Amino acid sequence: MKITSGAALAAALLAATMSSPAVAQLDAAKADAMMKKAACNACHSIDKKGVGPAYKDVAKKHKGDAAAPAKLAEKIRKGGSGVYGPVPMPPNTPDKISDDEVKQLVAWILTQ
């Protein structure tokens, strides 16, 4: 009975997490559309370093860091430099990408 209760609880938690709009799962096409809308793809790609780091490198650097989603969302929103080199990343304002879109994109990046 404990196994069944634990499994039910795990399933309920997973369903609640997946249905949250802030962490809605993106497919590659939706992520690409968001990146184009905010011009992220001018400097970043999934697997190749450009002006900025590849998303796979970002995911690797932050693997296992529970604070990574908040840190990356803040970096996207405020911009910054020095973490991956001297070229600054400009801030991405809410008129380019909403807070919910930033959260969804960060969650997607961290799965790469």
PDB file of N, CA and C in Angstrom:
ATOM      1  N   MET A   1       0.817  -1.192   0.000  1.00  0.00           N
ATOM      2  CA  MET A   1       0.000   0.000   0.000  1.00  0.00           C
ATOM      3  C   MET A   1       0.863   1.259   0.000  1.00  0.00           C
ATOM      4  N   LYS A   2       2.001   1.241   0.696  1.00  0.00           N
ATOM      5  CA  LYS A   2       2.880   2.401   0.714  1.00  0.00           C
ATOM      6  C   LYS A   2       3.415   2.698  -0.677  1.00  0.00           C
ATOM      7  N   ILE A   3       3.709   1.669  -1.458  1.00  0.00           N
ATOM      8  CA  ILE A   3       4.225   1.864  -2.804  1.00  0.00           C
ATOM      9  C   ILE A   3       3.178   2.555  -3.671  1.00  0.00           C
ATOM     10  N   THR A   4       1.944   2.094  -3.568  1.00  0.00           N
ATOM     11  CA  THR A   4       0.881   2.695  -4.350  1.00  0.00           C
ATOM     12  C   THR A   4       0.679   4.159  -3.969  1.00  0.00           C
ATOM     13  N   SER A   5       0.669   4.456  -2.667  1.00  0.00           N
ATOM     14  CA  SER A   5       0.503   5.835  -2.222  1.00  0.00           C
ATOM     15  C   SER A   5       1.650   6.704  -2.696  1.00  0.00           C
ATOM     16  N   GLY A   6       2.867   6.193  -2.607  1.00  0.00           N
ATOM     17  CA  GLY A   6       4.041   6.940  -3.068  1.00  0.00           C
ATOM     18  C   GLY A   6       3.981   7.183  -4.560  1.00  0.00           C
ATOM     19  N   ALA A   7       3.578   6.175  -5.312  1.00  0.00           N
ATOM     20  CA  ALA A   7       3.476   6.320  -6.760  1.00  0.00           C
ATOM     21  C   ALA A   7       2.400   7.326  -7.129  1.00  0.00           C
ATOM     22  N   ALA A   8       1.287   7.289  -6.418  1.00  0.00           N
ATOM     23  CA  ALA A   8       0.209   8.241  -6.689  1.00  0.00           C
ATOM     24  C   ALA A   8       0.652   9.664  -6.378  1.00  0.00           C
ATOM     25  N   LEU A   9       1.370   9.823  -5.260  1.00  0.00           N
ATOM     26  CA  LEU A   9       1.860  11.147  -4.895  1.00  0.00           C
ATOM     27  C   LEU A   9       2.853  11.662  -5.935  1.00  0.00           C
ATOM     28  N   ALA A  10       3.759  10.803  -6.365  1.00  0.00           N
ATOM     29  CA  ALA A  10       4.740  11.196  -7.384  1.00  0.00           C
ATOM     30  C   ALA A  10       4.044  11.583  -8.686  1.00  0.00           C
ATOM     31  N   ALA A  11       3.047  10.822  -9.082  1.00  0.00           N
ATOM     32  CA  ALA A  11       2.309  11.130 -10.314  1.00  0.00           C
ATOM     33  C   ALA A  11       1.580  12.463 -10.185  1.00  0.00           C
ATOM     34  N   ALA A  12       0.992  12.709  -9.018  1.00  0.00           N
ATOM     35  CA  ALA A  12       0.278  13.971  -8.805  1.00  0.00           C
ATOM     36  C   ALA A  12       1.236  15.157  -8.845  1.00  0.00           C
ATOM     37  N   LEU A  13       2.390  15.017  -8.207  1.00  0.00           N
ATOM     38  CA  LEU A  13       3.386  16.094  -8.226  1.00  0.00           C
ATOM     39  C   LEU A  13       3.894  16.353  -9.638  1.00  0.00           C
ATOM     40  N   LEU A  14       4.142  15.296 -10.380  1.00  0.00           N
ATOM     41  CA  LEU A  14       4.610  15.446 -11.749  1.00  0.00           C
ATOM     42  C   LEU A  14       3.551  16.137 -12.605  1.00  0.00           C
ATOM     43  N   ALA A  15       2.311  15.747 -12.455  1.00  0.00           N
ATOM     44  CA  ALA A  15       1.230  16.356 -13.228  1.00  0.00           C
ATOM     45  C   ALA A  15       1.091  17.838 -12.883  1.00  0.00           C
ATOM     46  N   ALA A  16       1.200  18.179 -11.604  1.00  0.00           N
ATOM     47  CA  ALA A  16       1.093  19.579 -11.194  1.00  0.00           C
ATOM     48  C   ALA A  16       2.238  20.398 -11.764  1.00  0.00           C
ATOM     49  N   THR A  17       3.436  19.853 -11.734  1.00  0.00           N
ATOM     50  CA  THR A  17       4.602  20.555 -12.271  1.00  0.00           C
ATOM     51  C   THR A  17       4.468  20.755 -13.764  1.00  0.00           C
ATOM     52  N   MET A  18       4.048  19.740 -14.490  1.00  0.00           N
ATOM     53  CA  MET A  18       3.956  19.817 -15.942  1.00  0.00           C
ATOM     54  C   MET A  18       2.840  20.754 -16.395  1.00  0.00           C
ATOM     55  N   SER A  19       1.805  20.921 -15.579  1.00  0.00           N
ATOM     56  CA  SER A  19       0.696  21.757 -15.995  1.00  0.00           C
ATOM     57  C   SER A  19       0.899  23.230 -15.637  1.00  0.00           C
ATOM     58  N   SER A  20       1.928  23.527 -14.863  1.00  0.00           N
ATOM     59  CA  SER A  20       2.196  24.916 -14.495  1.00  0.00           C
ATOM     60  C   SER A  20       2.580  25.719 -15.724  1.00  0.00           C
ATOM     61  N   PRO A  21       1.943  26.873 -15.964  1.00  0.00           N
ATOM     62  CA  PRO A  21       2.269  27.653 -17.155  1.00  0.00           C
ATOM     63  C   PRO A  21       3.705  28.163 -17.156  1.00  0.00           C
ATOM     64  N   ALA A  22       4.290  28.371 -15.979  1.00  0.00           N
ATOM     65  CA  ALA A  22       5.650  28.901 -15.916  1.00  0.00           C
ATOM     66  C   ALA A  22       6.680  27.891 -16.400  1.00  0.00           C
ATOM     67  N   VAL A  23       6.367  26.602 -16.293  1.00  0.00           N
ATOM     68  CA  VAL A  23       7.329  25.588 -16.718  1.00  0.00           C
ATOM     69  C   VAL A  23       6.732  24.666 -17.776  1.00  0.00           C
ATOM     70  N   ALA A  24       5.797  25.176 -18.531  1.00  0.00           N
ATOM     71  CA  ALA A  24       5.204  24.381 -19.601  1.00  0.00           C
ATOM     72  C   ALA A  24       6.311  23.869 -20.520  1.00  0.00           C
ATOM     73  N   GLN A  25       6.189  22.641 -20.916  1.00  0.00           N
ATOM     74  CA  GLN A  25       7.208  22.040 -21.760  1.00  0.00           C
ATOM     75  C   GLN A  25       7.145  22.621 -23.166  1.00  0.00           C
ATOM     76  N   LEU A  26       8.284  23.038 -23.645  1.00  0.00           N
ATOM     77  CA  LEU A  26       8.381  23.550 -25.008  1.00  0.00           C
ATOM     78  C   LEU A  26       8.912  22.458 -25.910  1.00  0.00           C
ATOM     79  N   ASP A  27       8.427  22.424 -27.125  1.00  0.00           N
ATOM     80  CA  ASP A  27       9.076  21.583 -28.120  1.00  0.00           C
ATOM     81  C   ASP A  27      10.080  22.476 -28.848  1.00  0.00           C
ATOM     82  N   ALA A  28      10.904  21.888 -29.672  1.00  0.00           N
ATOM     83  CA  ALA A  28      11.962  22.636 -30.354  1.00  0.00           C
ATOM     84  C   ALA A  28      11.404  23.777 -31.199  1.00  0.00           C
ATOM     85  N   ALA A  29      10.274  23.559 -31.850  1.00  0.00           N
ATOM     86  CA  ALA A  29       9.702  24.598 -32.709  1.00  0.00           C
ATOM     87  C   ALA A  29       9.239  25.808 -31.897  1.00  0.00           C
ATOM     88  N   LYS A  30       8.591  25.567 -30.760  1.00  0.00           N
ATOM     89  CA  LYS A  30       8.136  26.677 -29.923  1.00  0.00           C
ATOM     90  C   LYS A  30       9.325  27.411 -29.309  1.00  0.00           C
ATOM     91  N   ALA A  31      10.327  26.666 -28.877  1.00  0.00           N
ATOM     92  CA  ALA A  31      11.530  27.292 -28.318  1.00  0.00           C
ATOM     93  C   ALA A  31      12.211  28.144 -29.386  1.00  0.00           C
ATOM     94  N   ASP A  32      12.310  27.621 -30.601  1.00  0.00           N
ATOM     95  CA  ASP A  32      12.931  28.365 -31.701  1.00  0.00           C
ATOM     96  C   ASP A  32      12.160  29.650 -31.995  1.00  0.00           C
ATOM     97  N   ALA A  33      10.840  29.574 -31.983  1.00  0.00           N
ATOM     98  CA  ALA A  33      10.021  30.764 -32.240  1.00  0.00           C
ATOM     99  C   ALA A  33      10.240  31.815 -31.153  1.00  0.00           C
ATOM    100  N   MET A  34      10.328  31.386 -29.900  1.00  0.00           N
ATOM    101  CA  MET A  34      10.581  32.318 -28.804  1.00  0.00           C
ATOM    102  C   MET A  34      11.956  32.963 -28.935  1.00  0.00           C
ATOM    103  N   MET A  35      12.951  32.149 -29.297  1.00  0.00           N
ATOM    104  CA  MET A  35      14.309  32.666 -29.443  1.00  0.00           C
ATOM    105  C   MET A  35      14.394  33.671 -30.588  1.00  0.00           C
ATOM    106  N   LYS A  36      13.672  33.410 -31.666  1.00  0.00           N
ATOM    107  CA  LYS A  36      13.660  34.355 -32.792  1.00  0.00           C
ATOM    108  C   LYS A  36      12.966  35.648 -32.395  1.00  0.00           C
ATOM    109  N   LYS A  37      11.851  35.540 -31.688  1.00  0.00           N
ATOM    110  CA  LYS A  37      11.091  36.709 -31.253  1.00  0.00           C
ATOM    111  C   LYS A  37      11.958  37.636 -30.393  1.00  0.00           C
ATOM    112  N   ALA A  38      12.775  37.057 -29.514  1.00  0.00           N
ATOM    113  CA  ALA A  38      13.622  37.845 -28.617  1.00  0.00           C
ATOM    114  C   ALA A  38      15.028  38.051 -29.167  1.00  0.00           C
ATOM    115  N   ALA A  39      15.288  37.550 -30.386  1.00  0.00           N
ATOM    116  CA  ALA A  39      16.592  37.674 -31.058  1.00  0.00           C
ATOM    117  C   ALA A  39      17.715  36.929 -30.354  1.00  0.00           C
ATOM    118  N   CYS A  40      17.387  35.918 -29.559  1.00  0.00           N
ATOM    119  CA  CYS A  40      18.402  35.104 -28.880  1.00  0.00           C
ATOM    120  C   CYS A  40      19.289  34.387 -29.895  1.00  0.00           C
ATOM    121  N   ASN A  41      18.668  33.951 -30.988  1.00  0.00           N
ATOM    122  CA  ASN A  41      19.386  33.163 -31.989  1.00  0.00           C
ATOM    123  C   ASN A  41      20.430  33.968 -32.753  1.00  0.00           C
ATOM    124  N   ALA A  42      20.482  35.270 -32.533  1.00  0.00           N
ATOM    125  CA  ALA A  42      21.541  36.071 -33.159  1.00  0.00           C
ATOM    126  C   ALA A  42      22.897  35.738 -32.545  1.00  0.00           C
ATOM    127  N   CYS A  43      22.897  35.282 -31.299  1.00  0.00           N
ATOM    128  CA  CYS A  43      24.155  34.991 -30.595  1.00  0.00           C
ATOM    129  C   CYS A  43      24.267  33.555 -30.091  1.00  0.00           C
ATOM    130  N   HIS A  44      23.142  32.859 -29.963  1.00  0.00           N
ATOM    131  CA  HIS A  44      23.141  31.517 -29.371  1.00  0.00           C
ATOM    132  C   HIS A  44      22.571  30.482 -30.336  1.00  0.00           C
ATOM    133  N   SER A  45      23.022  29.242 -30.157  1.00  0.00           N
ATOM    134  CA  SER A  45      22.417  28.105 -30.844  1.00  0.00           C
ATOM    135  C   SER A  45      22.399  26.941 -29.859  1.00  0.00           C
ATOM    136  N   ILE A  46      21.810  25.857 -30.261  1.00  0.00           N
ATOM    137  CA  ILE A  46      21.698  24.718 -29.358  1.00  0.00           C
ATOM    138  C   ILE A  46      23.049  24.091 -29.071  1.00  0.00           C
ATOM    139  N   ASP A  47      23.824  23.825 -30.113  1.00  0.00           N
ATOM    140  CA  ASP A  47      25.030  23.031 -29.899  1.00  0.00           C
ATOM    141  C   ASP A  47      26.334  23.644 -30.399  1.00  0.00           C
ATOM    142  N   LYS A  48      26.300  24.894 -30.857  1.00  0.00           N
ATOM    143  CA  LYS A  48      27.524  25.532 -31.352  1.00  0.00           C
ATOM    144  C   LYS A  48      27.716  26.883 -30.690  1.00  0.00           C
ATOM    145  N   LYS A  49      28.929  27.125 -30.198  1.00  0.00           N
ATOM    146  CA  LYS A  49      29.246  28.425 -29.632  1.00  0.00           C
ATOM    147  C   LYS A  49      29.244  29.459 -30.749  1.00  0.00           C
ATOM    148  N   GLY A  50      28.649  30.568 -30.492  1.00  0.00           N
ATOM    149  CA  GLY A  50      28.660  31.695 -31.432  1.00  0.00           C
ATOM    150  C   GLY A  50      29.209  32.887 -30.677  1.00  0.00           C
ATOM    151  N   VAL A  51      28.536  34.006 -30.772  1.00  0.00           N
ATOM    152  CA  VAL A  51      28.905  35.163 -29.965  1.00  0.00           C
ATOM    153  C   VAL A  51      28.706  34.818 -28.489  1.00  0.00           C
ATOM    154  N   GLY A  52      27.645  34.056 -28.225  1.00  0.00           N
ATOM    155  CA  GLY A  52      27.361  33.582 -26.871  1.00  0.00           C
ATOM    156  C   GLY A  52      27.505  32.076 -26.813  1.00  0.00           C
ATOM    157  N   PRO A  53      27.361  31.516 -25.625  1.00  0.00           N
ATOM    158  CA  PRO A  53      27.527  30.079 -25.471  1.00  0.00           C
ATOM    159  C   PRO A  53      26.391  29.277 -26.107  1.00  0.00           C
ATOM    160  N   ALA A  54      26.691  28.025 -26.453  1.00  0.00           N
ATOM    161  CA  ALA A  54      25.661  27.095 -26.922  1.00  0.00           C
ATOM    162  C   ALA A  54      24.767  26.734 -25.734  1.00  0.00           C
ATOM    163  N   TYR A  55      23.502  26.497 -26.004  1.00  0.00           N
ATOM    164  CA  TYR A  55      22.585  26.130 -24.935  1.00  0.00           C
ATOM    165  C   TYR A  55      23.015  24.844 -24.246  1.00  0.00           C
ATOM    166  N   LYS A  56      23.604  23.910 -24.981  1.00  0.00           N
ATOM    167  CA  LYS A  56      24.089  22.673 -24.360  1.00  0.00           C
ATOM    168  C   LYS A  56      25.189  22.975 -23.346  1.00  0.00           C
ATOM    169  N   ASP A  57      26.041  23.967 -23.631  1.00  0.00           N
ATOM    170  CA  ASP A  57      27.091  24.345 -22.693  1.00  0.00           C
ATOM    171  C   ASP A  57      26.505  25.014 -21.447  1.00  0.00           C
ATOM    172  N   VAL A  58      25.466  25.809 -21.640  1.00  0.00           N
ATOM    173  CA  VAL A  58      24.798  26.441 -20.505  1.00  0.00           C
ATOM    174  C   VAL A  58      24.173  25.370 -19.616  1.00  0.00           C
ATOM    175  N   ALA A  59      23.491  24.407 -20.227  1.00  0.00           N
ATOM    176  CA  ALA A  59      22.859  23.328 -19.467  1.00  0.00           C
ATOM    177  C   ALA A  59      23.905  22.524 -18.707  1.00  0.00           C
ATOM    178  N   LYS A  60      25.009  22.240 -19.359  1.00  0.00           N
ATOM    179  CA  LYS A  60      26.081  21.464 -18.723  1.00  0.00           C
ATOM    180  C   LYS A  60      26.661  22.226 -17.532  1.00  0.00           C
ATOM    181  N   LYS A  61      26.902  23.507 -17.695  1.00  0.00           N
ATOM    182  CA  LYS A  61      27.482  24.333 -16.632  1.00  0.00           C
ATOM    183  C   LYS A  61      26.575  24.384 -15.404  1.00  0.00           C
ATOM    184  N   HIS A  62      25.271  24.392 -15.625  1.00  0.00           N
ATOM    185  CA  HIS A  62      24.315  24.564 -14.527  1.00  0.00           C
ATOM    186  C   HIS A  62      23.654  23.268 -14.073  1.00  0.00           C
ATOM    187  N   LYS A  63      24.114  22.126 -14.585  1.00  0.00           N
ATOM    188  CA  LYS A  63      23.506  20.839 -14.225  1.00  0.00           C
ATOM    189  C   LYS A  63      23.565  20.632 -12.713  1.00  0.00           C
ATOM    190  N   GLY A  64      22.428  20.285 -12.154  1.00  0.00           N
ATOM    191  CA  GLY A  64      22.345  19.998 -10.727  1.00  0.00           C
ATOM    192  C   GLY A  64      22.233  21.235  -9.845  1.00  0.00           C
ATOM    193  N   ASP A  65      22.226  22.413 -10.399  1.00  0.00           N
ATOM    194  CA  ASP A  65      22.130  23.660  -9.634  1.00  0.00           C
ATOM    195  C   ASP A  65      20.663  24.061  -9.528  1.00  0.00           C
ATOM    196  N   ALA A  66      20.084  23.894  -8.356  1.00  0.00           N
ATOM    197  CA  ALA A  66      18.672  24.214  -8.156  1.00  0.00           C
ATOM    198  C   ALA A  66      18.383  25.700  -8.351  1.00  0.00           C
ATOM    199  N   ALA A  67      19.388  26.538  -8.189  1.00  0.00           N
ATOM    200  CA  ALA A  67      19.201  27.978  -8.345  1.00  0.00           C
ATOM    201  C   ALA A  67      19.358  28.427  -9.799  1.00  0.00           C
ATOM    202  N   ALA A  68      19.744  27.524 -10.679  1.00  0.00           N
ATOM    203  CA  ALA A  68      20.018  27.881 -12.075  1.00  0.00           C
ATOM    204  C   ALA A  68      18.829  28.533 -12.790  1.00  0.00           C
ATOM    205  N   PRO A  69      17.615  28.019 -12.673  1.00  0.00           N
ATOM    206  CA  PRO A  69      16.514  28.672 -13.402  1.00  0.00           C
ATOM    207  C   PRO A  69      16.352  30.151 -13.047  1.00  0.00           C
ATOM    208  N   ALA A  70      16.433  30.463 -11.770  1.00  0.00           N
ATOM    209  CA  ALA A  70      16.291  31.866 -11.355  1.00  0.00           C
ATOM    210  C   ALA A  70      17.477  32.702 -11.829  1.00  0.00           C
ATOM    211  N   LYS A  71      18.694  32.156 -11.722  1.00  0.00           N
ATOM    212  CA  LYS A  71      19.889  32.888 -12.161  1.00  0.00           C
ATOM    213  C   LYS A  71      19.839  33.167 -13.655  1.00  0.00           C
ATOM    214  N   LEU A  72      19.463  32.158 -14.436  1.00  0.00           N
ATOM    215  CA  LEU A  72      19.427  32.332 -15.890  1.00  0.00           C
ATOM    216  C   LEU A  72      18.306  33.272 -16.320  1.00  0.00           C
ATOM    217  N   ALA A  73      17.167  33.176 -15.658  1.00  0.00           N
ATOM    218  CA  ALA A  73      16.063  34.088 -15.975  1.00  0.00           C
ATOM    219  C   ALA A  73      16.482  35.535 -15.698  1.00  0.00           C
ATOM    220  N   GLU A  74      17.181  35.745 -14.601  1.00  0.00           N
ATOM    221  CA  GLU A  74      17.651  37.096 -14.283  1.00  0.00           C
ATOM    222  C   GLU A  74      18.681  37.568 -15.314  1.00  0.00           C
ATOM    223  N   LYS A  75      19.564  36.670 -15.736  1.00  0.00           N
ATOM    224  CA  LYS A  75      20.574  37.019 -16.745  1.00  0.00           C
ATOM    225  C   LYS A  75      19.902  37.389 -18.064  1.00  0.00           C
ATOM    226  N   ILE A  76      18.874  36.646 -18.449  1.00  0.00           N
ATOM    227  CA  ILE A  76      18.150  36.964 -19.685  1.00  0.00           C
ATOM    228  C   ILE A  76      17.484  38.327 -19.559  1.00  0.00           C
ATOM    229  N   ARG A  77      16.849  38.555 -18.425  1.00  0.00           N
ATOM    230  CA  ARG A  77      16.107  39.796 -18.241  1.00  0.00           C
ATOM    231  C   ARG A  77      17.035  41.011 -18.130  1.00  0.00           C
ATOM    232  N   LYS A  78      18.135  40.883 -17.356  1.00  0.00           N
ATOM    233  CA  LYS A  78      19.008  42.035 -17.089  1.00  0.00           C
ATOM    234  C   LYS A  78      20.234  42.115 -17.995  1.00  0.00           C
ATOM    235  N   GLY A  79      20.587  41.013 -18.650  1.00  0.00           N
ATOM    236  CA  GLY A  79      21.803  40.984 -19.449  1.00  0.00           C
ATOM    237  C   GLY A  79      23.008  40.788 -18.547  1.00  0.00           C
ATOM    238  N   GLY A  80      24.188  40.857 -19.126  1.00  0.00           N
ATOM    239  CA  GLY A  80      25.396  40.707 -18.329  1.00  0.00           C
ATOM    240  C   GLY A  80      26.575  40.318 -19.189  1.00  0.00           C
ATOM    241  N   SER A  81      27.710  40.107 -18.536  1.00  0.00           N
ATOM    242  CA  SER A  81      28.909  39.673 -19.251  1.00  0.00           C
ATOM    243  C   SER A  81      29.882  39.031 -18.280  1.00  0.00           C
ATOM    244  N   GLY A  82      30.894  38.391 -18.849  1.00  0.00           N
ATOM    245  CA  GLY A  82      31.968  37.834 -18.049  1.00  0.00           C
ATOM    246  C   GLY A  82      31.848  36.369 -17.697  1.00  0.00           C
ATOM    247  N   VAL A  83      30.687  35.789 -17.800  1.00  0.00           N
ATOM    248  CA  VAL A  83      30.524  34.379 -17.432  1.00  0.00           C
ATOM    249  C   VAL A  83      31.081  33.470 -18.530  1.00  0.00           C
ATOM    250  N   TYR A  84      30.809  33.791 -19.792  1.00  0.00           N
ATOM    251  CA  TYR A  84      31.259  32.982 -20.921  1.00  0.00           C
ATOM    252  C   TYR A  84      32.232  33.745 -21.817  1.00  0.00           C
ATOM    253  N   GLY A  85      32.683  34.884 -21.375  1.00  0.00           N
ATOM    254  CA  GLY A  85      33.596  35.690 -22.168  1.00  0.00           C
ATOM    255  C   GLY A  85      33.277  37.165 -22.021  1.00  0.00           C
ATOM    256  N   PRO A  86      34.029  37.995 -22.722  1.00  0.00           N
ATOM    257  CA  PRO A  86      33.889  39.437 -22.536  1.00  0.00           C
ATOM    258  C   PRO A  86      32.720  40.102 -23.272  1.00  0.00           C
ATOM    259  N   VAL A  87      32.110  39.405 -24.217  1.00  0.00           N
ATOM    260  CA  VAL A  87      31.031  40.026 -24.999  1.00  0.00           C
ATOM    261  C   VAL A  87      29.769  40.115 -24.132  1.00  0.00           C
ATOM    262  N   PRO A  88      29.230  41.307 -23.946  1.00  0.00           N
ATOM    263  CA  PRO A  88      28.034  41.440 -23.104  1.00  0.00           C
ATOM    264  C   PRO A  88      26.771  40.935 -23.794  1.00  0.00           C
ATOM    265  N   MET A  89      25.869  40.390 -22.974  1.00  0.00           N
ATOM    266  CA  MET A  89      24.552  40.013 -23.464  1.00  0.00           C
ATOM    267  C   MET A  89      23.609  41.151 -23.094  1.00  0.00           C
ATOM    268  N   PRO A  90      22.903  41.703 -24.067  1.00  0.00           N
ATOM    269  CA  PRO A  90      21.983  42.801 -23.743  1.00  0.00           C
ATOM    270  C   PRO A  90      20.770  42.292 -22.973  1.00  0.00           C
ATOM    271  N   PRO A  91      20.144  43.169 -22.222  1.00  0.00           N
ATOM    272  CA  PRO A  91      18.932  42.761 -21.505  1.00  0.00           C
ATOM    273  C   PRO A  91      17.792  42.485 -22.474  1.00  0.00           C
ATOM    274  N   ASN A  92      16.917  41.591 -22.073  1.00  0.00           N
ATOM    275  CA  ASN A  92      15.724  41.274 -22.858  1.00  0.00           C
ATOM    276  C   ASN A  92      14.511  41.786 -22.092  1.00  0.00           C
ATOM    277  N   THR A  93      13.932  42.834 -22.588  1.00  0.00           N
ATOM    278  CA  THR A  93      12.834  43.506 -21.909  1.00  0.00           C
ATOM    279  C   THR A  93      11.509  42.773 -22.122  1.00  0.00           C
ATOM    280  N   PRO A  94      10.542  43.021 -21.230  1.00  0.00           N
ATOM    281  CA  PRO A  94       9.238  42.341 -21.342  1.00  0.00           C
ATOM    282  C   PRO A  94       8.513  42.573 -22.659  1.00  0.00           C
ATOM    283  N   ASP A  95       8.833  43.640 -23.374  1.00  0.00           N
ATOM    284  CA  ASP A  95       8.185  43.838 -24.669  1.00  0.00           C
ATOM    285  C   ASP A  95       8.725  42.864 -25.715  1.00  0.00           C
ATOM    286  N   LYS A  96       9.899  42.272 -25.466  1.00  0.00           N
ATOM    287  CA  LYS A  96      10.465  41.267 -26.368  1.00  0.00           C
ATOM    288  C   LYS A  96      10.067  39.847 -25.966  1.00  0.00           C
ATOM    289  N   ILE A  97      10.089  39.594 -24.660  1.00  0.00           N
ATOM    290  CA  ILE A  97       9.793  38.254 -24.157  1.00  0.00           C
ATOM    291  C   ILE A  97       9.218  38.386 -22.745  1.00  0.00           C
ATOM    292  N   SER A  98       8.079  37.742 -22.514  1.00  0.00           N
ATOM    293  CA  SER A  98       7.404  37.857 -21.219  1.00  0.00           C
ATOM    294  C   SER A  98       8.140  37.048 -20.152  1.00  0.00           C
ATOM    295  N   ASP A  99       7.803  37.311 -18.899  1.00  0.00           N
ATOM    296  CA  ASP A  99       8.406  36.554 -17.798  1.00  0.00           C
ATOM    297  C   ASP A  99       8.084  35.072 -17.921  1.00  0.00           C
ATOM    298  N   ASP A 100       6.848  34.741 -18.276  1.00  0.00           N
ATOM    299  CA  ASP A 100       6.490  33.325 -18.446  1.00  0.00           C
ATOM    300  C   ASP A 100       7.287  32.690 -19.583  1.00  0.00           C
ATOM    301  N   GLU A 101       7.477  33.422 -20.672  1.00  0.00           N
ATOM    302  CA  GLU A 101       8.271  32.891 -21.782  1.00  0.00           C
ATOM    303  C   GLU A 101       9.725  32.700 -21.372  1.00  0.00           C
ATOM    304  N   VAL A 102      10.266  33.621 -20.582  1.00  0.00           N
ATOM    305  CA  VAL A 102      11.639  33.475 -20.082  1.00  0.00           C
ATOM    306  C   VAL A 102      11.752  32.202 -19.255  1.00  0.00           C
ATOM    307  N   LYS A 103      10.805  31.979 -18.355  1.00  0.00           N
ATOM    308  CA  LYS A 103      10.831  30.776 -17.504  1.00  0.00           C
ATOM    309  C   LYS A 103      10.736  29.508 -18.356  1.00  0.00           C
ATOM    310  N   GLN A 104       9.860  29.513 -19.344  1.00  0.00           N
ATOM    311  CA  GLN A 104       9.716  28.345 -20.212  1.00  0.00           C
ATOM    312  C   GLN A 104      10.996  28.100 -21.008  1.00  0.00           C
ATOM    313  N   LEU A 105      11.584  29.165 -21.525  1.00  0.00           N
ATOM    314  CA  LEU A 105      12.796  29.031 -22.317  1.00  0.00           C
ATOM    315  C   LEU A 105      13.964  28.554 -21.466  1.00  0.00           C
ATOM    316  N   VAL A 106      14.098  29.071 -20.258  1.00  0.00           N
ATOM    317  CA  VAL A 106      15.154  28.622 -19.347  1.00  0.00           C
ATOM    318  C   VAL A 106      14.982  27.130 -19.042  1.00  0.00           C
ATOM    319  N   ALA A 107      13.749  26.719 -18.755  1.00  0.00           N
ATOM    320  CA  ALA A 107      13.507  25.295 -18.479  1.00  0.00           C
ATOM    321  C   ALA A 107      13.906  24.452 -19.683  1.00  0.00           C
ATOM    322  N   TRP A 108      13.593  24.914 -20.890  1.00  0.00           N
ATOM    323  CA  TRP A 108      13.960  24.193 -22.103  1.00  0.00           C
ATOM    324  C   TRP A 108      15.477  24.157 -22.280  1.00  0.00           C
ATOM    325  N   ILE A 109      16.139  25.286 -22.088  1.00  0.00           N
ATOM    326  CA  ILE A 109      17.604  25.355 -22.235  1.00  0.00           C
ATOM    327  C   ILE A 109      18.268  24.357 -21.290  1.00  0.00           C
ATOM    328  N   LEU A 110      17.783  24.283 -20.057  1.00  0.00           N
ATOM    329  CA  LEU A 110      18.400  23.397 -19.080  1.00  0.00           C
ATOM    330  C   LEU A 110      18.203  21.920 -19.386  1.00  0.00           C
ATOM    331  N   THR A 111      17.333  21.589 -20.336  1.00  0.00           N
ATOM    332  CA  THR A 111      17.154  20.184 -20.731  1.00  0.00           C
ATOM    333  C   THR A 111      18.082  19.785 -21.886  1.00  0.00           C
ATOM    334  N   GLN A 112      18.829  20.711 -22.425  1.00  0.00           N
ATOM    335  CA  GLN A 112      19.687  20.425 -23.573  1.00  0.00           C
ATOM    336  C   GLN A 112      20.911  19.621 -23.159  1.00  0.00           C
TER     337      GLN A 112
END
